[in-house]
Amino acid sequence: MKDKKHMVKIRKKRIKALKKQIEKHEDKIKTEKGRLDTTKDYWRKEIDSKFLRRIEEDEDFLDDLDNENYSEEK
């Protein structure tokens, strides 16, 4: 039980941090001029491939735990 609580806490915290990071990247897309290694497409790709995918995985994990807990209560 302790491990599940800990994992839920970590996942929620990570989701919050990733959303904050997405905001930072979107600000960079709007304000910064692209460079050789960090173009605007690079920032967009990083948001799509890394952050959104990770958030989706974490939310799925939390949903699975909620469903598991719901079925255990019955």
Protein backbone atom coordinates (compact mmCIF):
# COMPACT_ATOMS: atom_id res chain seq x y z
CA MET A 1 0.00 0.00 0.00
CA LYS A 2 2.81 2.40 0.83
CA ASP A 3 4.40 1.89 -2.56
CA LYS A 4 1.16 2.71 -4.38
CA LYS A 5 0.69 5.89 -2.36
CA HIS A 6 4.26 6.88 -3.07
CA MET A 7 3.94 6.18 -6.78
CA VAL A 8 0.71 8.19 -6.98
CA LYS A 9 2.40 11.11 -5.25
CA ILE A 10 5.40 10.94 -7.58
CA ARG A 11 3.24 10.68 -10.72
CA LYS A 12 1.04 13.63 -9.72
CA LYS A 13 4.10 15.71 -8.94
CA ARG A 14 5.71 14.77 -12.26
CA ILE A 15 2.53 15.65 -14.20
CA LYS A 16 2.51 19.06 -12.56
CA ALA A 17 6.20 19.62 -13.36
CA LEU A 18 5.77 18.51 -16.98
CA LYS A 19 2.87 20.89 -17.50
CA LYS A 20 5.05 23.69 -16.16
CA GLN A 21 7.83 22.66 -18.54
CA ILE A 22 5.40 22.65 -21.47
CA GLU A 23 4.46 26.24 -20.61
CA LYS A 24 8.15 27.22 -20.60
CA HIS A 25 8.68 25.59 -23.98
CA GLU A 26 5.62 27.29 -25.45
CA ASP A 27 6.93 30.64 -24.19
CA LYS A 28 10.24 29.91 -25.91
CA ILE A 29 8.39 29.11 -29.13
CA LYS A 30 6.59 32.45 -28.95
CA THR A 31 9.44 34.68 -27.82
CA GLU A 32 12.82 33.24 -28.76
CA LYS A 33 14.42 33.25 -32.12
CA GLY A 34 15.40 29.78 -33.27
CA ARG A 35 19.06 28.78 -33.29
CA LEU A 36 20.92 26.02 -35.05
CA ASP A 37 20.30 23.38 -32.40
CA THR A 38 17.13 24.73 -30.78
CA THR A 39 14.68 25.74 -33.46
CA LYS A 40 11.01 26.34 -32.84
CA ASP A 41 10.28 22.96 -34.42
CA TYR A 42 12.66 21.38 -31.91
CA TRP A 43 10.72 22.86 -28.97
CA ARG A 44 7.40 21.71 -30.46
CA LYS A 45 8.76 18.22 -31.12
CA GLU A 46 10.09 17.98 -27.57
CA ILE A 47 6.70 18.93 -26.17
CA ASP A 48 4.89 16.41 -28.36
CA SER A 49 7.29 13.49 -28.12
CA LYS A 50 8.49 13.72 -24.55
CA PHE A 51 6.22 15.69 -22.29
CA LEU A 52 2.76 14.90 -23.61
CA ARG A 53 3.59 11.21 -23.96
CA ARG A 54 4.89 11.08 -20.37
CA ILE A 55 1.82 12.89 -19.03
CA GLU A 56 -0.45 10.47 -20.87
CA GLU A 57 1.42 7.46 -19.44
CA ASP A 58 1.22 8.85 -15.90
CA GLU A 59 -2.49 9.66 -16.19
CA ASP A 60 -3.15 6.16 -17.51
CA PHE A 61 -1.26 4.73 -14.54
CA LEU A 62 -3.32 6.82 -12.12
CA ASP A 63 -6.56 5.82 -13.86
CA ASP A 64 -5.60 2.16 -13.65
CA LEU A 65 -4.91 2.50 -9.94
CA ASP A 66 -8.24 4.27 -9.40
CA ASN A 67 -10.06 1.51 -11.28
CA GLU A 68 -8.17 -1.13 -9.32
CA ASN A 69 -9.04 0.52 -6.02
CA TYR A 70 -12.65 0.87 -7.05
CA SER A 71 -12.92 -2.82 -7.91
CA GLU A 72 -11.24 -3.83 -4.64
CA GLU A 73 -13.81 -1.86 -2.63
CA LYS A 74 -16.72 -3.85 -4.07
